[in-house]
């Protein structure tokens, strides 16, 4: 964990975990996001085009 935490969360001997309230951790892979970036939205109203065809029985 020490190796992946940014220096803002640690000093020479200890570290604290970032406050992830209302957040999620995304993979630090080869994408275009940088540490601390945000994405998405807090609320979303579905529109018809976002609902797949289905039936209820």
Protein backbone atom coordinates (compact mmCIF):
# COMPACT_ATOMS: atom_id res chain seq x y z
CA UNK A 1 0.00 0.00 0.00
CA UNK A 2 2.90 2.34 0.80
CA UNK A 3 4.07 2.20 -2.83
CA UNK A 4 0.73 3.18 -4.36
CA UNK A 5 -0.19 6.04 -2.00
CA UNK A 6 0.63 9.53 -3.17
CA UNK A 7 2.98 11.58 -0.95
CA UNK A 8 0.09 13.78 0.20
CA UNK A 9 -1.10 10.80 2.30
CA UNK A 10 2.21 9.78 3.90
CA UNK A 11 5.31 11.08 5.60
CA UNK A 12 8.58 9.24 6.24
CA UNK A 13 7.09 6.63 8.60
CA UNK A 14 3.27 6.65 8.54
CA UNK A 15 0.38 7.01 6.14
CA UNK A 16 -3.31 7.87 6.32
CA UNK A 17 -5.98 6.63 3.98
CA UNK A 18 -7.78 9.16 1.78
CA UNK A 19 -11.43 9.92 2.57
CA UNK A 20 -13.35 7.95 -0.06
CA UNK A 21 -16.83 9.02 1.04
CA UNK A 22 -19.08 9.09 -2.05
CA UNK A 23 -16.13 7.95 -4.19
CA UNK A 24 -14.79 4.72 -5.63
CA UNK A 25 -11.34 3.45 -6.49
CA UNK A 26 -10.72 2.85 -10.18
CA UNK A 27 -7.95 0.77 -11.71
CA UNK A 28 -4.75 2.72 -12.23
CA UNK A 29 -4.19 1.03 -15.58
CA UNK A 30 -3.26 2.53 -18.92
CA UNK A 31 -6.34 4.76 -19.27
CA UNK A 32 -6.41 8.52 -19.51
CA UNK A 33 -7.36 9.20 -15.87
CA UNK A 34 -4.88 10.65 -13.38
CA UNK A 35 -4.80 10.26 -9.61
CA UNK A 36 -7.64 12.28 -8.09
CA UNK A 37 -9.67 12.64 -11.29
CA UNK A 38 -13.43 12.30 -11.03
CA UNK A 39 -16.03 11.06 -13.45
CA UNK A 40 -19.70 10.25 -13.59
CA UNK A 41 -22.60 11.90 -11.86
CA UNK A 42 -24.33 11.71 -8.48
CA UNK A 43 -27.86 11.49 -9.91
CA UNK A 44 -29.10 10.24 -13.25
CA UNK A 45 -32.61 9.97 -14.67
CA UNK A 46 -32.92 7.12 -17.14
CA UNK A 47 -34.28 7.82 -20.58
CA UNK A 48 -36.04 5.23 -22.74
CA UNK A 49 -32.96 4.62 -24.90
CA UNK A 50 -31.01 3.48 -21.81
CA UNK A 51 -33.51 0.77 -20.84
CA UNK A 52 -33.06 -2.53 -22.70
CA UNK A 53 -36.08 -4.30 -24.14
CA UNK A 54 -37.57 -6.65 -21.53
CA UNK A 55 -40.80 -8.19 -20.30
CA UNK A 56 -42.39 -8.73 -16.92
CA UNK A 57 -44.10 -11.98 -16.00
